[in-house]
Amino acid sequence: MVSLETVGGDIRDGHSGPEAENIEEGLLAALGGALALLPERQRSVWLLREVEGLSYSEIGIVVNEPISTVRGLLERARTTVAAAMQTWR
C-alpha cells in the first residue's frame, strides 16, 4: 500500500520553507483522515486509481470486481474524500 508520505511527494508544488512544510503536513493529515473514513474496498480502489493511476479495468482485476463495481466504489470514495477535504479547497 502507498504511504501518505509518497502521496505528499506527488502533490508538492516545488515551494519550500516552513510555511510550505506546515501546509503540506496539514494537507497530508487531512488526506489521511479522509482516507481513514473510507471502507477498505473504497480506500483500495481510490488509491489504485488516484495514486497508482490504474485504469478501471486494471483495478477490477486487482480487486476481483467488475468495472461497474469499481466505478461505484470509486465514486463513493471520491465523494467522501471531497467532503472531508472541503476546507482545503
PDB file of N, CA and C in Angstrom:
ATOM      1  N   MET A   1       0.848  -1.179   0.000  1.00  0.00           N
ATOM      2  CA  MET A   1       0.000   0.000   0.000  1.00  0.00           C
ATOM      3  C   MET A   1       0.897   1.246   0.000  1.00  0.00           C
ATOM      4  N   VAL A   2       0.428   2.281  -0.606  1.00  0.00           N
ATOM      5  CA  VAL A   2       1.176   3.526  -0.747  1.00  0.00           C
ATOM      6  C   VAL A   2       1.078   4.330   0.543  1.00  0.00           C
ATOM      7  N   SER A   3       2.195   4.909   0.964  1.00  0.00           N
ATOM      8  CA  SER A   3       2.186   5.717   2.179  1.00  0.00           C
ATOM      9  C   SER A   3       1.758   7.144   1.874  1.00  0.00           C
ATOM     10  N   LEU A   4       1.283   7.830   2.896  1.00  0.00           N
ATOM     11  CA  LEU A   4       0.889   9.221   2.727  1.00  0.00           C
ATOM     12  C   LEU A   4       2.096  10.097   2.401  1.00  0.00           C
ATOM     13  N   GLU A   5       3.276   9.701   2.847  1.00  0.00           N
ATOM     14  CA  GLU A   5       4.472  10.468   2.519  1.00  0.00           C
ATOM     15  C   GLU A   5       4.739  10.426   1.015  1.00  0.00           C
ATOM     16  N   THR A   6       4.474   9.281   0.408  1.00  0.00           N
ATOM     17  CA  THR A   6       4.639   9.161  -1.040  1.00  0.00           C
ATOM     18  C   THR A   6       3.647  10.055  -1.760  1.00  0.00           C
ATOM     19  N   VAL A   7       2.411  10.046  -1.292  1.00  0.00           N
ATOM     20  CA  VAL A   7       1.391  10.913  -1.885  1.00  0.00           C
ATOM     21  C   VAL A   7       1.810  12.363  -1.709  1.00  0.00           C
ATOM     22  N   GLY A   8       2.329  12.709  -0.543  1.00  0.00           N
ATOM     23  CA  GLY A   8       2.782  14.076  -0.293  1.00  0.00           C
ATOM     24  C   GLY A   8       3.867  14.498  -1.249  1.00  0.00           C
ATOM     25  N   GLY A   9       4.762  13.583  -1.562  1.00  0.00           N
ATOM     26  CA  GLY A   9       5.804  13.901  -2.532  1.00  0.00           C
ATOM     27  C   GLY A   9       5.222  14.171  -3.905  1.00  0.00           C
ATOM     28  N   ASP A  10       4.119  13.499  -4.220  1.00  0.00           N
ATOM     29  CA  ASP A  10       3.476  13.687  -5.517  1.00  0.00           C
ATOM     30  C   ASP A  10       2.732  15.014  -5.612  1.00  0.00           C
ATOM     31  N   ILE A  11       2.283  15.557  -4.476  1.00  0.00           N
ATOM     32  CA  ILE A  11       1.469  16.774  -4.522  1.00  0.00           C
ATOM     33  C   ILE A  11       2.260  18.037  -4.198  1.00  0.00           C
ATOM     34  N   ARG A  12       3.531  17.912  -3.912  1.00  0.00           N
ATOM     35  CA  ARG A  12       4.346  19.102  -3.646  1.00  0.00           C
ATOM     36  C   ARG A  12       4.349  20.019  -4.845  1.00  0.00           C
ATOM     37  N   ASP A  13       4.313  21.302  -4.583  1.00  0.00           N
ATOM     38  CA  ASP A  13       4.295  22.250  -5.705  1.00  0.00           C
ATOM     39  C   ASP A  13       5.662  22.868  -5.962  1.00  0.00           C
ATOM     40  N   GLY A  14       6.685  22.355  -5.335  1.00  0.00           N
ATOM     41  CA  GLY A  14       8.024  22.851  -5.594  1.00  0.00           C
ATOM     42  C   GLY A  14       8.468  23.962  -4.662  1.00  0.00           C
ATOM     43  N   HIS A  15       7.567  24.505  -3.866  1.00  0.00           N
ATOM     44  CA  HIS A  15       7.940  25.558  -2.913  1.00  0.00           C
ATOM     45  C   HIS A  15       8.502  24.897  -1.669  1.00  0.00           C
ATOM     46  N   SER A  16       9.393  25.582  -1.022  1.00  0.00           N
ATOM     47  CA  SER A  16       9.953  25.036   0.198  1.00  0.00           C
ATOM     48  C   SER A  16       9.911  26.088   1.283  1.00  0.00           C
ATOM     49  N   GLY A  17      10.286  25.694   2.455  1.00  0.00           N
ATOM     50  CA  GLY A  17      10.283  26.595   3.583  1.00  0.00           C
ATOM     51  C   GLY A  17       9.279  26.144   4.622  1.00  0.00           C
ATOM     52  N   PRO A  18       9.339  26.774   5.789  1.00  0.00           N
ATOM     53  CA  PRO A  18       8.489  26.361   6.902  1.00  0.00           C
ATOM     54  C   PRO A  18       6.994  26.460   6.600  1.00  0.00           C
ATOM     55  N   GLU A  19       6.586  27.525   5.928  1.00  0.00           N
ATOM     56  CA  GLU A  19       5.152  27.680   5.639  1.00  0.00           C
ATOM     57  C   GLU A  19       4.654  26.574   4.715  1.00  0.00           C
ATOM     58  N   ALA A  20       5.412  26.291   3.667  1.00  0.00           N
ATOM     59  CA  ALA A  20       5.032  25.230   2.734  1.00  0.00           C
ATOM     60  C   ALA A  20       5.021  23.880   3.437  1.00  0.00           C
ATOM     61  N   GLU A  21       5.993  23.647   4.313  1.00  0.00           N
ATOM     62  CA  GLU A  21       6.043  22.385   5.050  1.00  0.00           C
ATOM     63  C   GLU A  21       4.837  22.244   5.970  1.00  0.00           C
ATOM     64  N   ASN A  22       4.437  23.319   6.643  1.00  0.00           N
ATOM     65  CA  ASN A  22       3.262  23.273   7.510  1.00  0.00           C
ATOM     66  C   ASN A  22       1.993  22.994   6.710  1.00  0.00           C
ATOM     67  N   ILE A  23       1.877  23.628   5.558  1.00  0.00           N
ATOM     68  CA  ILE A  23       0.713  23.402   4.707  1.00  0.00           C
ATOM     69  C   ILE A  23       0.685  21.947   4.247  1.00  0.00           C
ATOM     70  N   GLU A  24       1.830  21.454   3.820  1.00  0.00           N
ATOM     71  CA  GLU A  24       1.903  20.071   3.358  1.00  0.00           C
ATOM     72  C   GLU A  24       1.557  19.090   4.475  1.00  0.00           C
ATOM     73  N   GLU A  25       2.082  19.332   5.667  1.00  0.00           N
ATOM     74  CA  GLU A  25       1.775  18.458   6.802  1.00  0.00           C
ATOM     75  C   GLU A  25       0.290  18.470   7.109  1.00  0.00           C
ATOM     76  N   GLY A  26      -0.326  19.646   7.081  1.00  0.00           N
ATOM     77  CA  GLY A  26      -1.759  19.747   7.329  1.00  0.00           C
ATOM     78  C   GLY A  26      -2.575  19.046   6.265  1.00  0.00           C
ATOM     79  N   LEU A  27      -2.164  19.223   5.014  1.00  0.00           N
ATOM     80  CA  LEU A  27      -2.858  18.582   3.905  1.00  0.00           C
ATOM     81  C   LEU A  27      -2.749  17.064   4.003  1.00  0.00           C
ATOM     82  N   LEU A  28      -1.567  16.566   4.297  1.00  0.00           N
ATOM     83  CA  LEU A  28      -1.381  15.121   4.434  1.00  0.00           C
ATOM     84  C   LEU A  28      -2.192  14.564   5.596  1.00  0.00           C
ATOM     85  N   ALA A  29      -2.232  15.301   6.702  1.00  0.00           N
ATOM     86  CA  ALA A  29      -3.027  14.859   7.849  1.00  0.00           C
ATOM     87  C   ALA A  29      -4.510  14.810   7.482  1.00  0.00           C
ATOM     88  N   ALA A  30      -4.981  15.829   6.766  1.00  0.00           N
ATOM     89  CA  ALA A  30      -6.383  15.862   6.348  1.00  0.00           C
ATOM     90  C   ALA A  30      -6.682  14.729   5.366  1.00  0.00           C
ATOM     91  N   LEU A  31      -5.776  14.484   4.428  1.00  0.00           N
ATOM     92  CA  LEU A  31      -5.965  13.398   3.477  1.00  0.00           C
ATOM     93  C   LEU A  31      -5.958  12.054   4.194  1.00  0.00           C
ATOM     94  N   GLY A  32      -5.051  11.893   5.127  1.00  0.00           N
ATOM     95  CA  GLY A  32      -5.011  10.652   5.912  1.00  0.00           C
ATOM     96  C   GLY A  32      -6.300  10.435   6.675  1.00  0.00           C
ATOM     97  N   GLY A  33      -6.832  11.509   7.256  1.00  0.00           N
ATOM     98  CA  GLY A  33      -8.104  11.411   7.958  1.00  0.00           C
ATOM     99  C   GLY A  33      -9.245  11.071   7.019  1.00  0.00           C
ATOM    100  N   ALA A  34      -9.244  11.679   5.840  1.00  0.00           N
ATOM    101  CA  ALA A  34     -10.294  11.406   4.855  1.00  0.00           C
ATOM    102  C   ALA A  34     -10.222   9.952   4.386  1.00  0.00           C
ATOM    103  N   LEU A  35      -9.023   9.467   4.115  1.00  0.00           N
ATOM    104  CA  LEU A  35      -8.875   8.085   3.675  1.00  0.00           C
ATOM    105  C   LEU A  35      -9.245   7.094   4.775  1.00  0.00           C
ATOM    106  N   ALA A  36      -9.009   7.478   6.028  1.00  0.00           N
ATOM    107  CA  ALA A  36      -9.367   6.609   7.152  1.00  0.00           C
ATOM    108  C   ALA A  36     -10.882   6.448   7.282  1.00  0.00           C
ATOM    109  N   LEU A  37     -11.643   7.406   6.760  1.00  0.00           N
ATOM    110  CA  LEU A  37     -13.101   7.319   6.804  1.00  0.00           C
ATOM    111  C   LEU A  37     -13.655   6.281   5.827  1.00  0.00           C
ATOM    112  N   LEU A  38     -12.863   5.943   4.828  1.00  0.00           N
ATOM    113  CA  LEU A  38     -13.340   5.051   3.777  1.00  0.00           C
ATOM    114  C   LEU A  38     -13.308   3.591   4.218  1.00  0.00           C
ATOM    115  N   PRO A  39     -14.332   2.826   3.822  1.00  0.00           N
ATOM    116  CA  PRO A  39     -14.236   1.373   3.999  1.00  0.00           C
ATOM    117  C   PRO A  39     -13.042   0.853   3.184  1.00  0.00           C
ATOM    118  N   GLU A  40     -12.529  -0.273   3.572  1.00  0.00           N
ATOM    119  CA  GLU A  40     -11.296  -0.795   2.966  1.00  0.00           C
ATOM    120  C   GLU A  40     -11.375  -0.907   1.440  1.00  0.00           C
ATOM    121  N   ARG A  41     -12.464  -1.427   0.903  1.00  0.00           N
ATOM    122  CA  ARG A  41     -12.577  -1.591  -0.556  1.00  0.00           C
ATOM    123  C   ARG A  41     -12.569  -0.244  -1.268  1.00  0.00           C
ATOM    124  N   GLN A  42     -13.264   0.734  -0.718  1.00  0.00           N
ATOM    125  CA  GLN A  42     -13.264   2.064  -1.335  1.00  0.00           C
ATOM    126  C   GLN A  42     -11.877   2.684  -1.270  1.00  0.00           C
ATOM    127  N   ARG A  43     -11.215   2.551  -0.133  1.00  0.00           N
ATOM    128  CA  ARG A  43      -9.861   3.110   0.018  1.00  0.00           C
ATOM    129  C   ARG A  43      -8.902   2.462  -0.979  1.00  0.00           C
ATOM    130  N   SER A  44      -8.987   1.144  -1.122  1.00  0.00           N
ATOM    131  CA  SER A  44      -8.111   0.434  -2.056  1.00  0.00           C
ATOM    132  C   SER A  44      -8.325   0.911  -3.484  1.00  0.00           C
ATOM    133  N   VAL A  45      -9.588   1.009  -3.890  1.00  0.00           N
ATOM    134  CA  VAL A  45      -9.906   1.452  -5.254  1.00  0.00           C
ATOM    135  C   VAL A  45      -9.434   2.885  -5.461  1.00  0.00           C
ATOM    136  N   TRP A  46      -9.650   3.756  -4.482  1.00  0.00           N
ATOM    137  CA  TRP A  46      -9.227   5.163  -4.590  1.00  0.00           C
ATOM    138  C   TRP A  46      -7.714   5.246  -4.766  1.00  0.00           C
ATOM    139  N   LEU A  47      -6.972   4.514  -3.938  1.00  0.00           N
ATOM    140  CA  LEU A  47      -5.508   4.544  -4.027  1.00  0.00           C
ATOM    141  C   LEU A  47      -5.012   3.982  -5.363  1.00  0.00           C
ATOM    142  N   LEU A  48      -5.623   2.895  -5.807  1.00  0.00           N
ATOM    143  CA  LEU A  48      -5.211   2.310  -7.079  1.00  0.00           C
ATOM    144  C   LEU A  48      -5.446   3.266  -8.242  1.00  0.00           C
ATOM    145  N   ARG A  49      -6.518   4.025  -8.204  1.00  0.00           N
ATOM    146  CA  ARG A  49      -6.821   4.962  -9.292  1.00  0.00           C
ATOM    147  C   ARG A  49      -6.049   6.268  -9.151  1.00  0.00           C
ATOM    148  N   GLU A  50      -6.172   6.916  -7.995  1.00  0.00           N
ATOM    149  CA  GLU A  50      -5.648   8.268  -7.815  1.00  0.00           C
ATOM    150  C   GLU A  50      -4.143   8.314  -7.571  1.00  0.00           C
ATOM    151  N   VAL A  51      -3.592   7.293  -6.960  1.00  0.00           N
ATOM    152  CA  VAL A  51      -2.155   7.295  -6.656  1.00  0.00           C
ATOM    153  C   VAL A  51      -1.383   6.450  -7.669  1.00  0.00           C
ATOM    154  N   GLU A  52      -1.882   5.250  -7.904  1.00  0.00           N
ATOM    155  CA  GLU A  52      -1.175   4.339  -8.806  1.00  0.00           C
ATOM    156  C   GLU A  52      -1.512   4.588 -10.270  1.00  0.00           C
ATOM    157  N   GLY A  53      -2.649   5.241 -10.556  1.00  0.00           N
ATOM    158  CA  GLY A  53      -3.020   5.565 -11.924  1.00  0.00           C
ATOM    159  C   GLY A  53      -3.535   4.398 -12.747  1.00  0.00           C
ATOM    160  N   LEU A  54      -4.019   3.354 -12.096  1.00  0.00           N
ATOM    161  CA  LEU A  54      -4.543   2.209 -12.819  1.00  0.00           C
ATOM    162  C   LEU A  54      -5.869   2.554 -13.492  1.00  0.00           C
ATOM    163  N   SER A  55      -6.153   1.881 -14.595  1.00  0.00           N
ATOM    164  CA  SER A  55      -7.434   2.041 -15.283  1.00  0.00           C
ATOM    165  C   SER A  55      -8.505   1.282 -14.505  1.00  0.00           C
ATOM    166  N   TYR A  56      -9.763   1.551 -14.843  1.00  0.00           N
ATOM    167  CA  TYR A  56     -10.861   0.853 -14.173  1.00  0.00           C
ATOM    168  C   TYR A  56     -10.748  -0.654 -14.400  1.00  0.00           C
ATOM    169  N   SER A  57     -10.411  -1.061 -15.600  1.00  0.00           N
ATOM    170  CA  SER A  57     -10.308  -2.500 -15.867  1.00  0.00           C
ATOM    171  C   SER A  57      -9.144  -3.125 -15.089  1.00  0.00           C
ATOM    172  N   GLU A  58      -8.032  -2.407 -14.976  1.00  0.00           N
ATOM    173  CA  GLU A  58      -6.899  -2.919 -14.189  1.00  0.00           C
ATOM    174  C   GLU A  58      -7.280  -3.028 -12.717  1.00  0.00           C
ATOM    175  N   ILE A  59      -7.984  -2.033 -12.214  1.00  0.00           N
ATOM    176  CA  ILE A  59      -8.429  -2.079 -10.815  1.00  0.00           C
ATOM    177  C   ILE A  59      -9.367  -3.263 -10.610  1.00  0.00           C
ATOM    178  N   GLY A  60     -10.277  -3.477 -11.566  1.00  0.00           N
ATOM    179  CA  GLY A  60     -11.191  -4.613 -11.474  1.00  0.00           C
ATOM    180  C   GLY A  60     -10.464  -5.932 -11.343  1.00  0.00           C
ATOM    181  N   ILE A  61      -9.373  -6.076 -12.076  1.00  0.00           N
ATOM    182  CA  ILE A  61      -8.573  -7.300 -11.993  1.00  0.00           C
ATOM    183  C   ILE A  61      -7.935  -7.415 -10.616  1.00  0.00           C
ATOM    184  N   VAL A  62      -7.374  -6.320 -10.108  1.00  0.00           N
ATOM    185  CA  VAL A  62      -6.692  -6.340  -8.808  1.00  0.00           C
ATOM    186  C   VAL A  62      -7.657  -6.675  -7.677  1.00  0.00           C
ATOM    187  N   VAL A  63      -8.836  -6.045  -7.688  1.00  0.00           N
ATOM    188  CA  VAL A  63      -9.783  -6.248  -6.586  1.00  0.00           C
ATOM    189  C   VAL A  63     -10.818  -7.332  -6.887  1.00  0.00           C
ATOM    190  N   ASN A  64     -10.704  -7.951  -8.067  1.00  0.00           N
ATOM    191  CA  ASN A  64     -11.597  -9.035  -8.472  1.00  0.00           C
ATOM    192  C   ASN A  64     -13.068  -8.609  -8.453  1.00  0.00           C
ATOM    193  N   GLU A  65     -13.333  -7.475  -9.088  1.00  0.00           N
ATOM    194  CA  GLU A  65     -14.686  -6.929  -9.192  1.00  0.00           C
ATOM    195  C   GLU A  65     -14.923  -6.460 -10.621  1.00  0.00           C
ATOM    196  N   PRO A  66     -16.186  -6.473 -11.070  1.00  0.00           N
ATOM    197  CA  PRO A  66     -16.477  -5.930 -12.395  1.00  0.00           C
ATOM    198  C   PRO A  66     -16.264  -4.418 -12.434  1.00  0.00           C
ATOM    199  N   ILE A  67     -16.077  -3.884 -13.629  1.00  0.00           N
ATOM    200  CA  ILE A  67     -15.821  -2.455 -13.795  1.00  0.00           C
ATOM    201  C   ILE A  67     -16.941  -1.617 -13.190  1.00  0.00           C
ATOM    202  N   SER A  68     -18.178  -2.066 -13.321  1.00  0.00           N
ATOM    203  CA  SER A  68     -19.299  -1.305 -12.752  1.00  0.00           C
ATOM    204  C   SER A  68     -19.174  -1.170 -11.239  1.00  0.00           C
ATOM    205  N   THR A  69     -18.704  -2.197 -10.582  1.00  0.00           N
ATOM    206  CA  THR A  69     -18.497  -2.133  -9.130  1.00  0.00           C
ATOM    207  C   THR A  69     -17.342  -1.198  -8.799  1.00  0.00           C
ATOM    208  N   VAL A  70     -16.278  -1.269  -9.580  1.00  0.00           N
ATOM    209  CA  VAL A  70     -15.129  -0.372  -9.393  1.00  0.00           C
ATOM    210  C   VAL A  70     -15.587   1.082  -9.511  1.00  0.00           C
ATOM    211  N   ARG A  71     -16.380   1.381 -10.531  1.00  0.00           N
ATOM    212  CA  ARG A  71     -16.878   2.754 -10.712  1.00  0.00           C
ATOM    213  C   ARG A  71     -17.686   3.217  -9.506  1.00  0.00           C
ATOM    214  N   GLY A  72     -18.567   2.359  -9.016  1.00  0.00           N
ATOM    215  CA  GLY A  72     -19.384   2.716  -7.861  1.00  0.00           C
ATOM    216  C   GLY A  72     -18.550   2.943  -6.612  1.00  0.00           C
ATOM    217  N   LEU A  73     -17.596   2.059  -6.365  1.00  0.00           N
ATOM    218  CA  LEU A  73     -16.717   2.207  -5.202  1.00  0.00           C
ATOM    219  C   LEU A  73     -15.906   3.493  -5.300  1.00  0.00           C
ATOM    220  N   LEU A  74     -15.385   3.771  -6.488  1.00  0.00           N
ATOM    221  CA  LEU A  74     -14.576   4.957  -6.686  1.00  0.00           C
ATOM    222  C   LEU A  74     -15.407   6.227  -6.519  1.00  0.00           C
ATOM    223  N   GLU A  75     -16.616   6.229  -7.035  1.00  0.00           N
ATOM    224  CA  GLU A  75     -17.479   7.404  -6.902  1.00  0.00           C
ATOM    225  C   GLU A  75     -17.803   7.685  -5.439  1.00  0.00           C
ATOM    226  N   ARG A  76     -18.138   6.651  -4.688  1.00  0.00           N
ATOM    227  CA  ARG A  76     -18.429   6.845  -3.254  1.00  0.00           C
ATOM    228  C   ARG A  76     -17.174   7.306  -2.512  1.00  0.00           C
ATOM    229  N   ALA A  77     -16.028   6.740  -2.852  1.00  0.00           N
ATOM    230  CA  ALA A  77     -14.774   7.139  -2.211  1.00  0.00           C
ATOM    231  C   ALA A  77     -14.451   8.600  -2.509  1.00  0.00           C
ATOM    232  N   ARG A  78     -14.587   8.992  -3.771  1.00  0.00           N
ATOM    233  CA  ARG A  78     -14.298  10.386  -4.151  1.00  0.00           C
ATOM    234  C   ARG A  78     -15.237  11.360  -3.449  1.00  0.00           C
ATOM    235  N   THR A  79     -16.496  10.997  -3.325  1.00  0.00           N
ATOM    236  CA  THR A  79     -17.463  11.859  -2.649  1.00  0.00           C
ATOM    237  C   THR A  79     -17.084  12.050  -1.188  1.00  0.00           C
ATOM    238  N   THR A  80     -16.723  10.981  -0.520  1.00  0.00           N
ATOM    239  CA  THR A  80     -16.340  11.052   0.892  1.00  0.00           C
ATOM    240  C   THR A  80     -15.061  11.861   1.078  1.00  0.00           C
ATOM    241  N   VAL A  81     -14.064  11.605   0.243  1.00  0.00           N
ATOM    242  CA  VAL A  81     -12.790  12.335   0.349  1.00  0.00           C
ATOM    243  C   VAL A  81     -13.006  13.816   0.062  1.00  0.00           C
ATOM    244  N   ALA A  82     -13.783  14.125  -0.957  1.00  0.00           N
ATOM    245  CA  ALA A  82     -14.045  15.525  -1.287  1.00  0.00           C
ATOM    246  C   ALA A  82     -14.742  16.253  -0.148  1.00  0.00           C
ATOM    247  N   ALA A  83     -15.709  15.613   0.473  1.00  0.00           N
ATOM    248  CA  ALA A  83     -16.411  16.220   1.596  1.00  0.00           C
ATOM    249  C   ALA A  83     -15.473  16.445   2.779  1.00  0.00           C
ATOM    250  N   ALA A  84     -14.629  15.453   3.047  1.00  0.00           N
ATOM    251  CA  ALA A  84     -13.702  15.553   4.184  1.00  0.00           C
ATOM    252  C   ALA A  84     -12.609  16.597   3.930  1.00  0.00           C
ATOM    253  N   MET A  85     -12.279  16.831   2.667  1.00  0.00           N
ATOM    254  CA  MET A  85     -11.207  17.771   2.312  1.00  0.00           C
ATOM    255  C   MET A  85     -11.749  19.147   1.945  1.00  0.00           C
ATOM    256  N   GLN A  86     -13.015  19.395   2.171  1.00  0.00           N
ATOM    257  CA  GLN A  86     -13.672  20.647   1.774  1.00  0.00           C
ATOM    258  C   GLN A  86     -12.907  21.882   2.252  1.00  0.00           C
ATOM    259  N   THR A  87     -12.365  21.856   3.448  1.00  0.00           N
ATOM    260  CA  THR A  87     -11.659  23.039   3.969  1.00  0.00           C
ATOM    261  C   THR A  87     -10.366  23.327   3.223  1.00  0.00           C
ATOM    262  N   TRP A  88      -9.879  22.387   2.429  1.00  0.00           N
ATOM    263  CA  TRP A  88      -8.637  22.585   1.676  1.00  0.00           C
ATOM    264  C   TRP A  88      -8.881  23.083   0.270  1.00  0.00           C
ATOM    265  N   ARG A  89     -10.121  23.318  -0.090  1.00  0.00           N
ATOM    266  CA  ARG A  89     -10.426  23.818  -1.437  1.00  0.00           C
ATOM    267  C   ARG A  89     -10.217  25.286  -1.518  1.00  0.00           C
TER     268      ARG A  89
END
